[in-house]
Amino acid sequence: MSFEEEWSYLVSQAEKGQSAATRINHATTPAVGGDGASPDLVVRDDQLGRIGNIAASLFRQIQSAADEAREATFSAATSLTNQDIDMGSGVLSVHDAW
């Protein structure tokens, strides 16, 4: 069944209010190239270690910046609330969600 035929069938089934599904008959695996490359992903432990260190460093930087933003947001929410500005409660909600 070609794509167009299957699509037409699915559209007609949907118009009738009937359940329709697409079926995949098969999937092919890419052939291994002449250079010995394989379709599988290979990761070495030292690569994972470096990536892990970079991720941990990035996390600490983001956490530090977020802490500064959290303090500023709370200060702004308090200031707005103290001035009877309704937006203060909304800003405080953002702070609490952080």
Protein backbone atom coordinates (compact mmCIF):
# COMPACT_ATOMS: atom_id res chain seq x y z
CA MET A 1 0.00 0.00 0.00
CA SER A 2 1.49 3.33 -1.02
CA PHE A 3 1.59 6.31 1.31
CA GLU A 4 -1.14 8.07 -0.64
CA GLU A 5 -3.42 5.02 -0.46
CA GLU A 6 -2.81 4.58 3.24
CA TRP A 7 -3.34 8.30 3.89
CA SER A 8 -6.63 8.29 1.97
CA TYR A 9 -7.76 5.26 3.95
CA LEU A 10 -6.87 6.90 7.27
CA VAL A 11 -8.68 10.12 6.30
CA SER A 12 -11.82 8.18 5.34
CA GLN A 13 -11.69 6.24 8.63
CA ALA A 14 -11.31 9.48 10.59
CA GLU A 15 -14.25 11.04 8.75
CA LYS A 16 -16.37 8.03 9.69
CA GLY A 17 -15.32 8.49 13.31
CA GLN A 18 -13.54 5.16 13.36
CA SER A 19 -10.20 4.54 14.96
CA ALA A 20 -7.29 4.41 12.51
CA ALA A 21 -3.63 3.53 12.95
CA THR A 22 -0.48 3.44 10.87
CA ARG A 23 1.51 0.21 10.77
CA ILE A 24 5.22 -0.01 10.07
CA ASN A 25 6.01 -3.18 8.17
CA HIS A 26 9.76 -3.19 8.78
CA ALA A 27 12.80 -1.07 9.44
CA THR A 28 16.20 -1.55 7.93
CA THR A 29 19.53 -1.35 9.69
CA PRO A 30 22.21 0.66 7.93
CA ALA A 31 25.02 -1.48 6.62
CA VAL A 32 28.42 -1.30 8.23
CA GLY A 33 30.66 0.85 6.10
CA GLY A 34 33.95 -0.26 4.59
CA ASP A 35 35.83 1.81 7.18
CA GLY A 36 34.57 -0.44 9.99
CA ALA A 37 32.10 2.15 11.26
CA SER A 38 29.09 0.71 12.99
CA PRO A 39 25.61 2.19 13.44
CA ASP A 40 25.99 1.84 17.23
CA LEU A 41 27.02 4.77 19.42
CA VAL A 42 30.26 4.17 21.27
CA VAL A 43 31.28 6.33 24.23
CA ARG A 44 34.49 5.98 26.17
CA ASP A 45 34.56 6.42 29.96
CA ASP A 46 37.00 9.35 29.82
CA GLN A 47 34.60 11.17 27.49
CA LEU A 48 31.75 10.67 29.95
CA GLY A 49 33.95 11.92 32.78
CA ARG A 50 34.80 15.15 30.97
CA ILE A 51 31.18 15.71 30.01
CA GLY A 52 30.12 15.04 33.59
CA ASN A 53 32.63 17.57 34.92
CA ILE A 54 31.46 20.20 32.43
CA ALA A 55 27.82 19.52 33.32
CA ALA A 56 28.53 19.79 37.06
CA SER A 57 30.39 23.07 36.55
CA LEU A 58 27.56 24.46 34.43
CA PHE A 59 25.03 23.38 37.07
CA ARG A 60 26.95 25.21 39.82
CA GLN A 61 27.14 28.37 37.68
CA ILE A 62 23.41 28.29 36.91
CA GLN A 63 22.58 27.57 40.56
CA SER A 64 24.65 30.56 41.69
CA ALA A 65 23.04 32.89 39.13
CA ALA A 66 19.58 31.58 40.05
CA ASP A 67 20.24 32.28 43.75
CA GLU A 68 21.10 35.89 42.91
CA ALA A 69 17.98 36.22 40.75
CA ARG A 70 15.85 34.63 43.46
CA GLU A 71 16.99 37.24 46.00
CA ALA A 72 16.36 40.11 43.60
CA THR A 73 12.92 38.74 42.72
CA PHE A 74 11.94 38.46 46.38
CA SER A 75 13.16 41.99 47.03
CA ALA A 76 11.15 43.31 44.08
CA ALA A 77 8.03 41.41 45.20
CA THR A 78 8.34 42.79 48.74
CA SER A 79 8.85 46.33 47.48
CA LEU A 80 5.85 46.16 45.13
CA THR A 81 3.65 44.64 47.83
CA ASN A 82 4.70 47.29 50.38
CA GLN A 83 3.68 49.96 47.87
CA ASP A 84 0.22 48.34 47.49
CA ILE A 85 0.93 47.38 43.87
CA ASP A 86 -1.03 44.24 42.99
CA MET A 87 1.75 42.91 40.79
CA GLY A 88 3.80 42.21 43.92
CA SER A 89 1.84 39.03 44.63
CA GLY A 90 2.45 37.84 41.05
CA VAL A 91 6.17 38.45 41.33
CA LEU A 92 6.16 36.62 44.68
CA SER A 93 4.46 33.66 42.95
CA VAL A 94 7.32 33.60 40.43
CA HIS A 95 9.80 33.66 43.31
CA ASP A 96 8.04 30.76 45.04
CA ALA A 97 7.98 28.73 41.83
CA TRP A 98 11.74 29.15 41.53
